[in-house]
Full PDB file with SEQRES, HELIX, SHEET, SSBOND, CRYST1, ORIGX, SCALE, CONECT and MASTER records, all heavy atoms in Angstrom:
SEQRES   1 A   37  LEU ILE ILE GLY GLU ALA GLU LEU LYS ASP CYS VAL ILE          
SEQRES   2 A   37  ARG SER GLU TYR GLY THR VAL ASP VAL LEU PRO SER ASN          
SEQRES   3 A   37  VAL ASN LEU ALA GLY ALA GLU ILE GLU LEU ILE                  
HELIX    1 AA1 LEU A    8  CYS A   11  1                                   4    
HELIX    2 AA2 VAL A   27  GLY A   31  5                                   5    
HELIX    3 AA3 ALA A   32  GLU A   35  1                                   4    
SHEET    1 AA1 2 ILE A  13  ARG A  14  0                                        
SHEET    2 AA1 2 ASP A  21  VAL A  22 -1                                        
CRYST1    1.000    1.000    1.000  90.00  90.00  90.00 P 1           1          
ORIGX1      1.000000  0.000000  0.000000        0.00000                         
ORIGX2      0.000000  1.000000  0.000000        0.00000                         
ORIGX3      0.000000  0.000000  1.000000        0.00000                         
SCALE1      1.000000  0.000000  0.000000        0.00000                         
SCALE2      0.000000  1.000000  0.000000        0.00000                         
SCALE3      0.000000  0.000000  1.000000        0.00000                         
ATOM      1  N   LEU A   1     -19.655   7.097   1.153  1.00  0.00           N  
ATOM      2  CA  LEU A   1     -18.598   7.269   2.161  1.00  0.00           C  
ATOM      3  C   LEU A   1     -17.480   8.166   1.621  1.00  0.00           C  
ATOM      4  O   LEU A   1     -17.059   9.125   2.272  1.00  0.00           O  
ATOM      5  CB  LEU A   1     -18.027   5.895   2.549  1.00  0.00           C  
ATOM      6  CG  LEU A   1     -16.921   5.904   3.601  1.00  0.00           C  
ATOM      7  CD1 LEU A   1     -17.492   6.222   4.970  1.00  0.00           C  
ATOM      8  CD2 LEU A   1     -16.188   4.566   3.628  1.00  0.00           C  
ATOM      9  N   ILE A   2     -17.035   7.869   0.403  1.00  0.00           N  
ATOM     10  CA  ILE A   2     -15.903   8.585  -0.184  1.00  0.00           C  
ATOM     11  C   ILE A   2     -16.226  10.067  -0.428  1.00  0.00           C  
ATOM     12  O   ILE A   2     -15.392  10.941  -0.218  1.00  0.00           O  
ATOM     13  CB  ILE A   2     -15.448   7.887  -1.492  1.00  0.00           C  
ATOM     14  CG1 ILE A   2     -14.631   6.637  -1.162  1.00  0.00           C  
ATOM     15  CG2 ILE A   2     -14.632   8.812  -2.375  1.00  0.00           C  
ATOM     16  CD1 ILE A   2     -14.264   5.794  -2.360  1.00  0.00           C  
ATOM     17  N   ILE A   3     -17.462  10.346  -0.864  1.00  0.00           N  
ATOM     18  CA  ILE A   3     -17.778  11.760  -1.165  1.00  0.00           C  
ATOM     19  C   ILE A   3     -18.309  12.498   0.072  1.00  0.00           C  
ATOM     20  O   ILE A   3     -18.691  13.660  -0.014  1.00  0.00           O  
ATOM     21  CB  ILE A   3     -18.763  11.890  -2.353  1.00  0.00           C  
ATOM     22  CG1 ILE A   3     -20.118  11.245  -2.032  1.00  0.00           C  
ATOM     23  CG2 ILE A   3     -18.156  11.338  -3.620  1.00  0.00           C  
ATOM     24  CD1 ILE A   3     -21.211  11.624  -3.014  1.00  0.00           C  
ATOM     25  N   GLY A   4     -18.333  11.809   1.225  1.00  0.00           N  
ATOM     26  CA  GLY A   4     -18.664  12.482   2.477  1.00  0.00           C  
ATOM     27  C   GLY A   4     -20.145  12.614   2.775  1.00  0.00           C  
ATOM     28  O   GLY A   4     -20.553  13.424   3.608  1.00  0.00           O  
ATOM     29  N   GLU A   5     -20.970  11.793   2.099  1.00  0.00           N  
ATOM     30  CA  GLU A   5     -22.415  11.881   2.338  1.00  0.00           C  
ATOM     31  C   GLU A   5     -22.901  10.902   3.395  1.00  0.00           C  
ATOM     32  O   GLU A   5     -24.066  10.924   3.777  1.00  0.00           O  
ATOM     33  CB  GLU A   5     -23.184  11.638   1.030  1.00  0.00           C  
ATOM     34  CG  GLU A   5     -23.137  12.829   0.096  1.00  0.00           C  
ATOM     35  CD  GLU A   5     -24.007  12.646  -1.128  1.00  0.00           C  
ATOM     36  OE1 GLU A   5     -24.686  11.589  -1.243  1.00  0.00           O  
ATOM     37  OE2 GLU A   5     -23.983  13.536  -1.998  1.00  0.00           O  
ATOM     38  N   ALA A   6     -22.026   9.985   3.842  1.00  0.00           N  
ATOM     39  CA  ALA A   6     -22.441   8.993   4.842  1.00  0.00           C  
ATOM     40  C   ALA A   6     -21.255   8.632   5.724  1.00  0.00           C  
ATOM     41  O   ALA A   6     -20.094   8.765   5.311  1.00  0.00           O  
ATOM     42  CB  ALA A   6     -22.987   7.743   4.151  1.00  0.00           C  
ATOM     43  N   GLU A   7     -21.570   8.174   6.917  1.00  0.00           N  
ATOM     44  CA  GLU A   7     -20.543   7.689   7.844  1.00  0.00           C  
ATOM     45  C   GLU A   7     -20.304   6.201   7.581  1.00  0.00           C  
ATOM     46  O   GLU A   7     -21.183   5.502   7.084  1.00  0.00           O  
ATOM     47  CB  GLU A   7     -21.010   7.874   9.293  1.00  0.00           C  
ATOM     48  CG  GLU A   7     -21.171   9.328   9.709  1.00  0.00           C  
ATOM     49  CD  GLU A   7     -19.856  10.078   9.746  1.00  0.00           C  
ATOM     50  OE1 GLU A   7     -18.849   9.494  10.213  1.00  0.00           O  
ATOM     51  OE2 GLU A   7     -19.817  11.225   9.274  1.00  0.00           O  
ATOM     52  N   LEU A   8     -19.137   5.709   7.982  1.00  0.00           N  
ATOM     53  CA  LEU A   8     -18.801   4.301   7.769  1.00  0.00           C  
ATOM     54  C   LEU A   8     -19.830   3.368   8.411  1.00  0.00           C  
ATOM     55  O   LEU A   8     -20.259   2.395   7.808  1.00  0.00           O  
ATOM     56  CB  LEU A   8     -17.395   4.017   8.317  1.00  0.00           C  
ATOM     57  CG  LEU A   8     -16.851   2.607   8.085  1.00  0.00           C  
ATOM     58  CD1 LEU A   8     -16.747   2.289   6.594  1.00  0.00           C  
ATOM     59  CD2 LEU A   8     -15.475   2.435   8.732  1.00  0.00           C  
ATOM     60  N   LYS A   9     -20.252   3.715   9.623  1.00  0.00           N  
ATOM     61  CA  LYS A   9     -21.196   2.826  10.344  1.00  0.00           C  
ATOM     62  C   LYS A   9     -22.536   2.704   9.609  1.00  0.00           C  
ATOM     63  O   LYS A   9     -23.250   1.715   9.766  1.00  0.00           O  
ATOM     64  CB  LYS A   9     -21.424   3.310  11.780  1.00  0.00           C  
ATOM     65  CG  LYS A   9     -22.052   4.689  11.916  1.00  0.00           C  
ATOM     66  CD  LYS A   9     -22.266   5.044  13.378  1.00  0.00           C  
ATOM     67  CE  LYS A   9     -22.641   6.494  13.611  1.00  0.00           C  
ATOM     68  NZ  LYS A   9     -23.683   7.058  12.786  1.00  0.00           N  
ATOM     69  N   ASP A  10     -22.864   3.709   8.783  1.00  0.00           N  
ATOM     70  CA  ASP A  10     -24.127   3.660   8.032  1.00  0.00           C  
ATOM     71  C   ASP A  10     -23.990   2.860   6.737  1.00  0.00           C  
ATOM     72  O   ASP A  10     -24.994   2.544   6.102  1.00  0.00           O  
ATOM     73  CB  ASP A  10     -24.596   5.084   7.694  1.00  0.00           C  
ATOM     74  CG  ASP A  10     -24.790   5.926   8.942  1.00  0.00           C  
ATOM     75  OD1 ASP A  10     -25.252   5.365   9.950  1.00  0.00           O  
ATOM     76  OD2 ASP A  10     -24.453   7.125   8.905  1.00  0.00           O  
ATOM     77  N   CYS A  11     -22.759   2.572   6.349  1.00  0.00           N  
ATOM     78  CA  CYS A  11     -22.529   1.905   5.061  1.00  0.00           C  
ATOM     79  C   CYS A  11     -22.260   0.400   5.205  1.00  0.00           C  
ATOM     80  O   CYS A  11     -22.553  -0.382   4.296  1.00  0.00           O  
ATOM     81  CB  CYS A  11     -21.335   2.537   4.349  1.00  0.00           C  
ATOM     82  SG  CYS A  11     -21.513   4.293   4.046  1.00  0.00           S  
ATOM     83  N   VAL A  12     -21.676  -0.007   6.340  1.00  0.00           N  
ATOM     84  CA  VAL A  12     -21.268  -1.410   6.495  1.00  0.00           C  
ATOM     85  C   VAL A  12     -22.487  -2.289   6.758  1.00  0.00           C  
ATOM     86  O   VAL A  12     -23.353  -1.954   7.566  1.00  0.00           O  
ATOM     87  CB  VAL A  12     -20.235  -1.551   7.637  1.00  0.00           C  
ATOM     88  CG1 VAL A  12     -19.964  -3.017   7.954  1.00  0.00           C  
ATOM     89  CG2 VAL A  12     -18.930  -0.854   7.252  1.00  0.00           C  
ATOM     90  N   ILE A  13     -22.544  -3.414   6.054  1.00  0.00           N  
ATOM     91  CA  ILE A  13     -23.659  -4.363   6.179  1.00  0.00           C  
ATOM     92  C   ILE A  13     -23.109  -5.708   6.637  1.00  0.00           C  
ATOM     93  O   ILE A  13     -22.093  -6.177   6.109  1.00  0.00           O  
ATOM     94  CB  ILE A  13     -24.363  -4.541   4.811  1.00  0.00           C  
ATOM     95  CG1 ILE A  13     -24.957  -3.199   4.342  1.00  0.00           C  
ATOM     96  CG2 ILE A  13     -25.442  -5.624   4.874  1.00  0.00           C  
ATOM     97  CD1 ILE A  13     -25.446  -3.218   2.910  1.00  0.00           C  
ATOM     98  N   ARG A  14     -23.780  -6.354   7.584  1.00  0.00           N  
ATOM     99  CA  ARG A  14     -23.389  -7.715   7.984  1.00  0.00           C  
ATOM    100  C   ARG A  14     -23.959  -8.704   6.962  1.00  0.00           C  
ATOM    101  O   ARG A  14     -25.165  -8.720   6.716  1.00  0.00           O  
ATOM    102  CB  ARG A  14     -23.928  -7.994   9.405  1.00  0.00           C  
ATOM    103  CG  ARG A  14     -23.820  -9.434   9.932  1.00  0.00           C  
ATOM    104  CD  ARG A  14     -22.439 -10.057   9.928  1.00  0.00           C  
ATOM    105  NE  ARG A  14     -21.387  -9.395  10.648  1.00  0.00           N  
ATOM    106  CZ  ARG A  14     -20.886  -9.800  11.814  1.00  0.00           C  
ATOM    107  NH1 ARG A  14     -21.389 -10.854  12.427  1.00  0.00           N  
ATOM    108  NH2 ARG A  14     -19.871  -9.165  12.368  1.00  0.00           N  
ATOM    109  N   SER A  15     -23.091  -9.512   6.374  1.00  0.00           N  
ATOM    110  CA  SER A  15     -23.576 -10.508   5.403  1.00  0.00           C  
ATOM    111  C   SER A  15     -24.186 -11.694   6.143  1.00  0.00           C  
ATOM    112  O   SER A  15     -24.092 -11.798   7.359  1.00  0.00           O  
ATOM    113  CB  SER A  15     -22.418 -10.989   4.523  1.00  0.00           C  
ATOM    114  OG  SER A  15     -21.635 -11.931   5.236  1.00  0.00           O  
ATOM    115  N   GLU A  16     -24.784 -12.592   5.366  1.00  0.00           N  
ATOM    116  CA  GLU A  16     -25.372 -13.800   5.970  1.00  0.00           C  
ATOM    117  C   GLU A  16     -24.303 -14.828   6.304  1.00  0.00           C  
ATOM    118  O   GLU A  16     -24.603 -15.856   6.918  1.00  0.00           O  
ATOM    119  CB  GLU A  16     -26.346 -14.457   4.977  1.00  0.00           C  
ATOM    120  CG  GLU A  16     -27.533 -13.623   4.590  1.00  0.00           C  
ATOM    121  CD  GLU A  16     -28.230 -14.233   3.377  1.00  0.00           C  
ATOM    122  OE1 GLU A  16     -28.373 -15.479   3.329  1.00  0.00           O  
ATOM    123  OE2 GLU A  16     -28.610 -13.458   2.471  1.00  0.00           O  
ATOM    124  N   TYR A  17     -23.078 -14.587   5.859  1.00  0.00           N  
ATOM    125  CA  TYR A  17     -22.074 -15.643   5.909  1.00  0.00           C  
ATOM    126  C   TYR A  17     -21.083 -15.443   7.033  1.00  0.00           C  
ATOM    127  O   TYR A  17     -19.998 -14.889   6.858  1.00  0.00           O  
ATOM    128  CB  TYR A  17     -21.386 -15.777   4.546  1.00  0.00           C  
ATOM    129  CG  TYR A  17     -22.412 -15.951   3.454  1.00  0.00           C  
ATOM    130  CD1 TYR A  17     -22.560 -15.014   2.443  1.00  0.00           C  
ATOM    131  CD2 TYR A  17     -23.289 -17.038   3.490  1.00  0.00           C  
ATOM    132  CE1 TYR A  17     -23.536 -15.166   1.472  1.00  0.00           C  
ATOM    133  CE2 TYR A  17     -24.269 -17.191   2.526  1.00  0.00           C  
ATOM    134  CZ  TYR A  17     -24.389 -16.260   1.518  1.00  0.00           C  
ATOM    135  OH  TYR A  17     -25.369 -16.406   0.572  1.00  0.00           O  
ATOM    136  N   GLY A  18     -21.465 -15.873   8.218  1.00  0.00           N  
ATOM    137  CA  GLY A  18     -20.557 -15.848   9.359  1.00  0.00           C  
ATOM    138  C   GLY A  18     -20.153 -14.430   9.707  1.00  0.00           C  
ATOM    139  O   GLY A  18     -20.938 -13.490   9.659  1.00  0.00           O  
ATOM    140  N   THR A  19     -18.890 -14.278  10.044  1.00  0.00           N  
ATOM    141  CA  THR A  19     -18.410 -12.992  10.561  1.00  0.00           C  
ATOM    142  C   THR A  19     -17.835 -12.123   9.441  1.00  0.00           C  
ATOM    143  O   THR A  19     -16.749 -11.567   9.565  1.00  0.00           O  
ATOM    144  CB  THR A  19     -17.343 -13.252  11.639  1.00  0.00           C  
ATOM    145  OG1 THR A  19     -16.377 -14.175  11.112  1.00  0.00           O  
ATOM    146  CG2 THR A  19     -17.958 -13.849  12.887  1.00  0.00           C  
ATOM    147  N   VAL A  20     -18.586 -12.008   8.337  1.00  0.00           N  
ATOM    148  CA  VAL A  20     -18.156 -11.159   7.220  1.00  0.00           C  
ATOM    149  C   VAL A  20     -19.054  -9.924   7.151  1.00  0.00           C  
ATOM    150  O   VAL A  20     -20.253 -10.035   6.917  1.00  0.00           O  
ATOM    151  CB  VAL A  20     -18.226 -11.898   5.860  1.00  0.00           C  
ATOM    152  CG1 VAL A  20     -17.762 -10.974   4.729  1.00  0.00           C  
ATOM    153  CG2 VAL A  20     -17.384 -13.161   5.866  1.00  0.00           C  
ATOM    154  N   ASP A  21     -18.452  -8.753   7.389  1.00  0.00           N  
ATOM    155  CA  ASP A  21     -19.127  -7.487   7.132  1.00  0.00           C  
ATOM    156  C   ASP A  21     -18.725  -7.010   5.748  1.00  0.00           C  
ATOM    157  O   ASP A  21     -17.623  -7.309   5.281  1.00  0.00           O  
ATOM    158  CB  ASP A  21     -18.718  -6.425   8.157  1.00  0.00           C  
ATOM    159  CG  ASP A  21     -19.361  -6.656   9.524  1.00  0.00           C  
ATOM    160  OD1 ASP A  21     -20.253  -7.516   9.623  1.00  0.00           O  
ATOM    161  OD2 ASP A  21     -18.958  -5.979  10.485  1.00  0.00           O  
ATOM    162  N   VAL A  22     -19.627  -6.257   5.107  1.00  0.00           N  
ATOM    163  CA  VAL A  22     -19.354  -5.791   3.743  1.00  0.00           C  
ATOM    164  C   VAL A  22     -19.529  -4.273   3.668  1.00  0.00           C  
ATOM    165  O   VAL A  22     -20.529  -3.736   4.142  1.00  0.00           O  
ATOM    166  CB  VAL A  22     -20.316  -6.467   2.727  1.00  0.00           C  
ATOM    167  CG1 VAL A  22     -19.985  -6.016   1.305  1.00  0.00           C  
ATOM    168  CG2 VAL A  22     -20.234  -7.988   2.830  1.00  0.00           C  
ATOM    169  N   LEU A  23     -18.537  -3.612   3.084  1.00  0.00           N  
ATOM    170  CA  LEU A  23     -18.690  -2.208   2.691  1.00  0.00           C  
ATOM    171  C   LEU A  23     -19.015  -2.258   1.207  1.00  0.00           C  
ATOM    172  O   LEU A  23     -18.140  -2.507   0.375  1.00  0.00           O  
ATOM    173  CB  LEU A  23     -17.392  -1.432   2.959  1.00  0.00           C  
ATOM    174  CG  LEU A  23     -17.350   0.054   2.556  1.00  0.00           C  
ATOM    175  CD1 LEU A  23     -18.544   0.830   3.087  1.00  0.00           C  
ATOM    176  CD2 LEU A  23     -16.056   0.696   2.991  1.00  0.00           C  
ATOM    177  N   PRO A  24     -20.302  -2.087   0.850  1.00  0.00           N  
ATOM    178  CA  PRO A  24     -20.751  -2.440  -0.500  1.00  0.00           C  
ATOM    179  C   PRO A  24     -20.469  -1.362  -1.538  1.00  0.00           C  
ATOM    180  O   PRO A  24     -20.101  -0.230  -1.218  1.00  0.00           O  
ATOM    181  CB  PRO A  24     -22.268  -2.618  -0.307  1.00  0.00           C  
ATOM    182  CG  PRO A  24     -22.602  -1.686   0.817  1.00  0.00           C  
ATOM    183  CD  PRO A  24     -21.398  -1.631   1.717  1.00  0.00           C  
ATOM    184  N   SER A  25     -20.687  -1.747  -2.785  1.00  0.00           N  
ATOM    185  CA  SER A  25     -20.466  -0.845  -3.913  1.00  0.00           C  
ATOM    186  C   SER A  25     -21.562  -1.092  -4.944  1.00  0.00           C  
ATOM    187  O   SER A  25     -22.161  -2.162  -4.989  1.00  0.00           O  
ATOM    188  CB  SER A  25     -19.099  -1.154  -4.520  1.00  0.00           C  
ATOM    189  OG  SER A  25     -18.990  -0.572  -5.795  1.00  0.00           O  
ATOM    190  N   ASN A  26     -21.810  -0.091  -5.759  1.00  0.00           N  
ATOM    191  CA  ASN A  26     -22.643  -0.290  -6.945  1.00  0.00           C  
ATOM    192  C   ASN A  26     -22.198   0.689  -8.022  1.00  0.00           C  
ATOM    193  O   ASN A  26     -21.169   1.355  -7.879  1.00  0.00           O  
ATOM    194  CB  ASN A  26     -24.149  -0.185  -6.628  1.00  0.00           C  
ATOM    195  CG  ASN A  26     -24.530   1.161  -6.016  1.00  0.00           C  
ATOM    196  OD1 ASN A  26     -23.856   2.171  -6.228  1.00  0.00           O  
ATOM    197  ND2 ASN A  26     -25.595   1.173  -5.241  1.00  0.00           N  
ATOM    198  N   VAL A  27     -22.981   0.794  -9.086  1.00  0.00           N  
ATOM    199  CA  VAL A  27     -22.557   1.553 -10.264  1.00  0.00           C  
ATOM    200  C   VAL A  27     -22.327   3.037  -9.959  1.00  0.00           C  
ATOM    201  O   VAL A  27     -21.587   3.724 -10.682  1.00  0.00           O  
ATOM    202  CB  VAL A  27     -23.578   1.340 -11.417  1.00  0.00           C  
ATOM    203  CG1 VAL A  27     -24.887   2.070 -11.131  1.00  0.00           C  
ATOM    204  CG2 VAL A  27     -22.981   1.747 -12.751  1.00  0.00           C  
ATOM    205  N   ASN A  28     -22.913   3.566  -8.899  1.00  0.00           N  
ATOM    206  CA  ASN A  28     -22.696   4.977  -8.538  1.00  0.00           C  
ATOM    207  C   ASN A  28     -21.208   5.304  -8.381  1.00  0.00           C  
ATOM    208  O   ASN A  28     -20.783   6.431  -8.615  1.00  0.00           O  
ATOM    209  CB  ASN A  28     -23.391   5.324  -7.208  1.00  0.00           C  
ATOM    210  CG  ASN A  28     -24.899   5.233  -7.327  1.00  0.00           C  
ATOM    211  OD1 ASN A  28     -25.427   5.218  -8.437  1.00  0.00           O  
ATOM    212  ND2 ASN A  28     -25.595   5.170  -6.210  1.00  0.00           N  
ATOM    213  N   LEU A  29     -20.439   4.296  -7.954  1.00  0.00           N  
ATOM    214  CA  LEU A  29     -19.018   4.514  -7.678  1.00  0.00           C  
ATOM    215  C   LEU A  29     -18.245   4.917  -8.933  1.00  0.00           C  
ATOM    216  O   LEU A  29     -17.168   5.507  -8.846  1.00  0.00           O  
ATOM    217  CB  LEU A  29     -18.413   3.246  -7.051  1.00  0.00           C  
ATOM    218  CG  LEU A  29     -16.976   3.323  -6.540  1.00  0.00           C  
ATOM    219  CD1 LEU A  29     -16.826   4.382  -5.450  1.00  0.00           C  
ATOM    220  CD2 LEU A  29     -16.510   1.974  -6.018  1.00  0.00           C  
ATOM    221  N   ALA A  30     -18.818   4.622 -10.102  1.00  0.00           N  
ATOM    222  CA  ALA A  30     -18.137   4.966 -11.361  1.00  0.00           C  
ATOM    223  C   ALA A  30     -17.890   6.474 -11.458  1.00  0.00           C  
ATOM    224  O   ALA A  30     -16.952   6.921 -12.116  1.00  0.00           O  
ATOM    225  CB  ALA A  30     -18.964   4.482 -12.547  1.00  0.00           C  
ATOM    226  N   GLY A  31     -18.709   7.274 -10.760  1.00  0.00           N  
ATOM    227  CA  GLY A  31     -18.544   8.725 -10.818  1.00  0.00           C  
ATOM    228  C   GLY A  31     -17.546   9.277  -9.818  1.00  0.00           C  
ATOM    229  O   GLY A  31     -17.259  10.478  -9.816  1.00  0.00           O  
ATOM    230  N   ALA A  32     -17.002   8.414  -8.980  1.00  0.00           N  
ATOM    231  CA  ALA A  32     -16.135   8.885  -7.886  1.00  0.00           C  
ATOM    232  C   ALA A  32     -14.886   9.590  -8.391  1.00  0.00           C  
ATOM    233  O   ALA A  32     -14.443  10.579  -7.816  1.00  0.00           O  
ATOM    234  CB  ALA A  32     -15.741   7.714  -6.990  1.00  0.00           C  
ATOM    235  N   GLU A  33     -14.344   9.093  -9.482  1.00  0.00           N  
ATOM    236  CA  GLU A  33     -13.107   9.658 -10.044  1.00  0.00           C  
ATOM    237  C   GLU A  33     -13.258  11.163 -10.267  1.00  0.00           C  
ATOM    238  O   GLU A  33     -12.392  11.958  -9.904  1.00  0.00           O  
ATOM    239  CB  GLU A  33     -12.816   8.945 -11.368  1.00  0.00           C  
ATOM    240  CG  GLU A  33     -11.452   9.227 -11.910  1.00  0.00           C  
ATOM    241  CD  GLU A  33     -10.491   8.069 -11.681  1.00  0.00           C  
ATOM    242  OE1 GLU A  33     -10.922   6.975 -11.307  1.00  0.00           O  
ATOM    243  OE2 GLU A  33      -9.298   8.301 -11.873  1.00  0.00           O  
ATOM    244  N   ILE A  34     -14.394  11.550 -10.856  1.00  0.00           N  
ATOM    245  CA  ILE A  34     -14.643  12.967 -11.162  1.00  0.00           C  
ATOM    246  C   ILE A  34     -14.901  13.752  -9.877  1.00  0.00           C  
ATOM    247  O   ILE A  34     -14.407  14.859  -9.700  1.00  0.00           O  
ATOM    248  CB  ILE A  34     -15.834  13.093 -12.144  1.00  0.00           C  
ATOM    249  CG1 ILE A  34     -15.454  12.446 -13.481  1.00  0.00           C  
ATOM    250  CG2 ILE A  34     -16.239  14.540 -12.361  1.00  0.00           C  
ATOM    251  CD1 ILE A  34     -16.588  11.960 -14.301  1.00  0.00           C  
ATOM    252  N   GLU A  35     -15.677  13.135  -8.965  1.00  0.00           N  
ATOM    253  CA  GLU A  35     -16.008  13.806  -7.695  1.00  0.00           C  
ATOM    254  C   GLU A  35     -14.751  14.128  -6.883  1.00  0.00           C  
ATOM    255  O   GLU A  35     -14.727  15.089  -6.128  1.00  0.00           O  
ATOM    256  CB  GLU A  35     -16.909  12.896  -6.837  1.00  0.00           C  
ATOM    257  CG  GLU A  35     -18.211  12.502  -7.507  1.00  0.00           C  
ATOM    258  CD  GLU A  35     -19.370  13.373  -7.091  1.00  0.00           C  
ATOM    259  OE1 GLU A  35     -19.156  14.347  -6.357  1.00  0.00           O  
ATOM    260  OE2 GLU A  35     -20.491  13.057  -7.526  1.00  0.00           O  
ATOM    261  N   LEU A  36     -13.734  13.296  -7.031  1.00  0.00           N  
ATOM    262  CA  LEU A  36     -12.542  13.450  -6.193  1.00  0.00           C  
ATOM    263  C   LEU A  36     -11.552  14.485  -6.733  1.00  0.00           C  
ATOM    264  O   LEU A  36     -10.606  14.849  -6.047  1.00  0.00           O  
ATOM    265  CB  LEU A  36     -11.829  12.099  -6.044  1.00  0.00           C  
ATOM    266  CG  LEU A  36     -12.588  11.039  -5.234  1.00  0.00           C  
ATOM    267  CD1 LEU A  36     -11.838   9.720  -5.250  1.00  0.00           C  
ATOM    268  CD2 LEU A  36     -12.803  11.494  -3.798  1.00  0.00           C  
ATOM    269  N   ILE A  37     -11.783  14.966  -7.970  1.00  0.00           N  
ATOM    270  CA  ILE A  37     -10.867  15.959  -8.540  1.00  0.00           C  
ATOM    271  C   ILE A  37     -10.836  17.194  -7.634  1.00  0.00           C  
ATOM    272  O   ILE A  37     -11.868  17.721  -7.244  1.00  0.00           O  
ATOM    273  CB  ILE A  37     -11.311  16.352  -9.972  1.00  0.00           C  
ATOM    274  CG1 ILE A  37     -11.103  15.167 -10.933  1.00  0.00           C  
ATOM    275  CG2 ILE A  37     -10.522  17.570 -10.477  1.00  0.00           C  
ATOM    276  CD1 ILE A  37     -11.705  15.353 -12.293  1.00  0.00           C  
TER     277      ILE A  37                                                      
MASTER        0    0    0    3    2    0    0    6  276    1    0    3          
END                                                                             
């Protein structure tokens, strides 16, 4: 989402726990700092 490769609607996931949606993260995000320069 941050680097512009996906839209928000493609990233948000509905969790199993009631009305909680999640915008998830993983280790790829560690590179965001450099990408944003």
